Protein backbone atom coordinates (compact mmCIF):
# COMPACT_ATOMS: atom_id res chain seq x y z
CA MET A 1 -4.92 60.26 -180.22
CA LEU A 2 -3.53 57.13 -181.87
CA ARG A 3 -4.73 55.06 -178.92
CA ILE A 4 -8.30 56.31 -179.49
CA PHE A 5 -8.04 55.41 -183.18
CA GLU A 6 -6.80 51.91 -182.29
CA ASP A 7 -9.61 51.43 -179.74
CA LEU A 8 -12.25 52.46 -182.29
CA ARG A 9 -10.75 50.23 -184.97
CA SER A 10 -10.59 47.29 -182.55
CA ALA A 11 -14.30 47.86 -181.87
CA GLY A 12 -15.02 47.44 -185.59
CA GLN A 13 -15.30 51.11 -186.53
CA THR A 14 -14.05 52.38 -189.87
CA LEU A 15 -11.91 55.51 -189.65
CA VAL A 16 -10.96 57.94 -192.37
CA ILE A 17 -7.93 59.94 -191.33
CA VAL A 18 -6.43 62.71 -193.46
CA THR A 19 -2.80 63.39 -192.57
CA HIS A 20 0.57 64.48 -193.87
CA ASP A 21 2.28 62.71 -190.94
CA GLU A 22 3.91 59.49 -192.15
CA ARG A 23 3.89 58.06 -188.61
CA VAL A 24 0.12 58.40 -188.41
CA ALA A 25 -0.36 57.08 -191.95
CA ALA A 26 1.75 54.02 -191.08
CA THR A 27 -0.86 52.95 -188.51
CA ALA A 28 -3.49 52.42 -191.21
CA ASP A 29 -4.51 49.18 -192.91
CA ARG A 30 -4.98 51.04 -196.17
CA LEU A 31 -3.33 54.14 -197.57
CA ILE A 32 -4.95 56.17 -200.34
CA SER A 33 -2.75 58.95 -201.69
CA MET A 34 -3.90 62.10 -203.44
CA ARG A 35 -2.04 64.62 -205.56
CA ASP A 36 -3.59 67.80 -206.92
CA GLY A 37 -7.05 66.67 -205.81
CA MET A 38 -6.88 63.30 -207.60
CA PHE A 39 -6.39 59.80 -206.20
CA VAL A 40 -3.00 58.53 -207.35
CA ASP A 41 -2.40 55.40 -205.25
CA ASP A 42 -4.30 52.85 -203.16
CA THR A 43 -2.16 50.54 -201.04
CA ARG A 44 -3.10 47.85 -198.51
CA LEU A 45 -0.56 47.91 -195.68
CA ALA A 46 0.10 44.36 -194.47
CA GLY A 47 1.82 45.14 -191.16
CA SER A 48 0.68 48.48 -189.80
CA LEU A 49 2.81 50.04 -187.07
CA THR A 50 -0.08 50.84 -184.73
CA ARG A 51 1.19 48.91 -181.73
CA GLY A 52 4.62 50.60 -181.69
CA LEU A 53 3.29 54.09 -182.32
CA VAL A 54 0.52 54.01 -179.73
CA GLY A 55 3.11 53.78 -176.97
CA ALA A 56 5.18 56.54 -178.56
CA ALA A 57 2.12 58.79 -178.85
CA ASP A 58 1.33 58.27 -175.17
CA THR A 59 4.69 59.74 -174.19
CA ALA A 60 4.38 62.76 -176.50
CA ALA A 61 3.56 66.16 -175.09
CA PRO A 62 -0.18 66.91 -174.97
CA ALA A 63 -1.55 68.90 -177.89
């Protein structure tokens, strides 16, 4: 799944991903956090981990 996200992002698409998985969140360029239905933080991530996690996701068991 992360490979598809990376391909879409490389093609210039904007993605909004809602997750509790820190590994998935770490692949983003921007992280917006919510608590109790309210936005509590907005962080630009300088060095996302997409490249390292795409390979890891490819070896994971299919969902």
